[in-house]
C-alpha atoms as a PDB file:
ATOM      1  CA  MET A   1     239.135 -16.241  92.726  1.00  0.00           C
ATOM      2  CA  ALA A   2     240.212 -13.817  89.999  1.00  0.00           C
ATOM      3  CA  GLU A   3     242.930 -11.346  90.840  1.00  0.00           C
ATOM      4  CA  ASN A   4     242.106  -7.680  90.269  1.00  0.00           C
ATOM      5  CA  THR A   5     244.899  -5.509  88.931  1.00  0.00           C
ATOM      6  CA  VAL A   6     245.080  -1.753  88.942  1.00  0.00           C
ATOM      7  CA  LYS A   7     247.874   0.119  87.224  1.00  0.00           C
ATOM      8  CA  ILE A   8     248.390   3.829  87.624  1.00  0.00           C
ATOM      9  CA  ASP A   9     250.965   6.293  86.368  1.00  0.00           C
ATOM     10  CA  ILE A  10     252.572   8.258  89.164  1.00  0.00           C
ATOM     11  CA  SER A  11     255.831  10.144  89.081  1.00  0.00           C
ATOM     12  CA  PHE A  12     258.619   8.872  91.286  1.00  0.00           C
ATOM     13  CA  GLN A  13     258.787  12.269  93.021  1.00  0.00           C
ATOM     14  CA  SER A  14     255.056  12.074  93.847  1.00  0.00           C
ATOM     15  CA  LEU A  15     255.594   8.593  95.235  1.00  0.00           C
ATOM     16  CA  VAL A  16     258.492   9.818  97.408  1.00  0.00           C
ATOM     17  CA  GLU A  17     256.375  12.688  98.709  1.00  0.00           C
ATOM     18  CA  ALA A  18     253.495  10.334  99.481  1.00  0.00           C
ATOM     19  CA  ILE A  19     255.813   7.982 101.363  1.00  0.00           C
ATOM     20  CA  SER A  20     257.273  10.891 103.312  1.00  0.00           C
ATOM     21  CA  SER A  21     253.811  11.790 104.554  1.00  0.00           C
ATOM     22  CA  LEU A  22     253.154   8.306 105.995  1.00  0.00           C
ATOM     23  CA  GLU A  23     253.211   7.544 109.711  1.00  0.00           C
ATOM     24  CA  ILE A  24     255.961   5.291 111.060  1.00  0.00           C
ATOM     25  CA  ALA A  25     253.693   2.231 111.287  1.00  0.00           C
ATOM     26  CA  GLU A  26     252.637   2.694 107.658  1.00  0.00           C
ATOM     27  CA  LYS A  27     256.261   3.077 106.565  1.00  0.00           C
ATOM     28  CA  GLN A  28     257.112  -0.159 108.379  1.00  0.00           C
ATOM     29  CA  GLN A  29     254.284  -1.924 106.534  1.00  0.00           C
ATOM     30  CA  LEU A  30     255.598  -0.546 103.250  1.00  0.00           C
ATOM     31  CA  TRP A  31     259.138  -1.640 104.184  1.00  0.00           C
ATOM     32  CA  GLU A  32     257.913  -5.179 104.843  1.00  0.00           C
ATOM     33  CA  LEU A  33     256.011  -5.245 101.550  1.00  0.00           C
ATOM     34  CA  LEU A  34     259.033  -4.022  99.594  1.00  0.00           C
ATOM     35  CA  GLU A  35     261.314  -6.452 101.392  1.00  0.00           C
ATOM     36  CA  ALA A  36     259.022  -9.346 100.451  1.00  0.00           C
ATOM     37  CA  GLU A  37     258.909  -8.150  96.836  1.00  0.00           C
ATOM     38  CA  LEU A  38     262.659  -7.601  96.545  1.00  0.00           C
ATOM     39  CA  PHE A  39     263.785 -10.739  98.382  1.00  0.00           C
ATOM     40  CA  PRO A  40     261.043 -13.344  97.917  1.00  0.00           C
ATOM     41  CA  ASP A  41     263.301 -16.362  98.416  1.00  0.00           C
ATOM     42  CA  GLU A  42     264.909 -15.160 101.613  1.00  0.00           C
ATOM     43  CA  GLU A  43     262.753 -16.338 104.476  1.00  0.00           C
ATOM     44  CA  ASP A  44     263.678 -15.295 107.988  1.00  0.00           C
ATOM     45  CA  SER A  45     263.905 -17.947 110.641  1.00  0.00           C
ATOM     46  CA  PRO A  46     261.624 -17.603 113.683  1.00  0.00           C
ATOM     47  CA  GLU A  47     264.694 -16.544 115.683  1.00  0.00           C
ATOM     48  CA  ASP A  48     265.531 -13.828 113.128  1.00  0.00           C
ATOM     49  CA  ILE A  49     261.963 -12.552 113.181  1.00  0.00           C
ATOM     50  CA  THR A  50     262.009 -12.411 116.984  1.00  0.00           C
ATOM     51  CA  GLU A  51     265.283 -10.454 116.948  1.00  0.00           C
ATOM     52  CA  ILE A  52     263.994  -8.060 114.291  1.00  0.00           C
ATOM     53  CA  GLU A  53     260.775  -7.421 116.208  1.00  0.00           C
ATOM     54  CA  ALA A  54     262.750  -6.835 119.425  1.00  0.00           C
ATOM     55  CA  ALA A  55     265.067  -4.399 117.648  1.00  0.00           C
ATOM     56  CA  ARG A  56     262.111  -2.497 116.175  1.00  0.00           C
ATOM     57  CA  ALA A  57     260.474  -2.319 119.624  1.00  0.00           C
ATOM     58  CA  ASP A  58     263.709  -1.021 121.148  1.00  0.00           C
ATOM     59  CA  TYR A  59     264.004   1.615 118.426  1.00  0.00           C
ATOM     60  CA  LYS A  60     260.387   2.675 118.843  1.00  0.00           C
ATOM     61  CA  ALA A  61     260.945   2.992 122.621  1.00  0.00           C
ATOM     62  CA  GLY A  62     264.002   5.173 121.998  1.00  0.00           C
ATOM     63  CA  ASP A  63     266.415   2.511 123.205  1.00  0.00           C
ATOM     64  CA  TYR A  64     269.217   3.048 120.701  1.00  0.00           C
ATOM     65  CA  ILE A  65     272.364   5.078 120.120  1.00  0.00           C
ATOM     66  CA  THR A  66     273.476   6.871 116.985  1.00  0.00           C
ATOM     67  CA  PHE A  67     276.465   5.677 115.010  1.00  0.00           C
ATOM     68  CA  ASP A  68     278.437   8.721 116.190  1.00  0.00           C
ATOM     69  CA  GLU A  69     277.671   7.875 119.834  1.00  0.00           C
ATOM     70  CA  TYR A  70     278.720   4.279 119.208  1.00  0.00           C
ATOM     71  CA  THR A  71     282.060   5.278 117.675  1.00  0.00           C
ATOM     72  CA  ILE A  72     282.776   7.600 120.613  1.00  0.00           C
ATOM     73  CA  GLN A  73     282.036   4.765 123.075  1.00  0.00           C
ATOM     74  CA  ARG A  74     284.279   2.383 121.108  1.00  0.00           C
ATOM     75  CA  ALA A  75     287.091   4.941 121.042  1.00  0.00           C
ATOM     76  CA  ARG A  76     286.837   5.404 124.813  1.00  0.00           C
ATOM     77  CA  LYS A  77     286.908   1.630 125.378  1.00  0.00           C
ATOM     78  CA  SER A  78     289.943   1.282 123.119  1.00  0.00           C
ATOM     79  CA  LYS A  79     291.776   4.017 125.014  1.00  0.00           C
ATOM     80  CA  SER A  80     290.949   2.361 128.351  1.00  0.00           C
ATOM     81  CA  THR A  81     292.109  -1.030 127.092  1.00  0.00           C
ATOM     82  CA  ASN A  82     295.320   0.445 125.683  1.00  0.00           C
ATOM     83  CA  LEU A  83     296.073   2.238 128.969  1.00  0.00           C
ATOM     84  CA  LEU A  84     295.612  -0.964 130.943  1.00  0.00           C
ATOM     85  CA  ALA A  85     297.823  -2.879 128.522  1.00  0.00           C
ATOM     86  CA  THR A  86     300.649  -0.333 128.729  1.00  0.00           C
ATOM     87  CA  ARG A  87     300.546  -0.345 132.549  1.00  0.00           C
ATOM     88  CA  ALA A  88     300.807  -4.122 132.768  1.00  0.00           C
END
């Protein structure tokens, strides 16, 4: 079967604006397409794919913390650990 090719001229800014208007699911599809184009030789193992899908599901469900929240939690844990160590 012959492959059809279409080439169009579009400014990068127009492309960025078009991407910004996409829904999350469409952006994820685009991400996967770009990932496959940029890293064609890097195949994910079935375990990696499962972990990635689980992480995406968690994110979509709102089950995540921001980096700032994470650093605050880590700082609190470090303080607690240091207090216990100095008391021992």
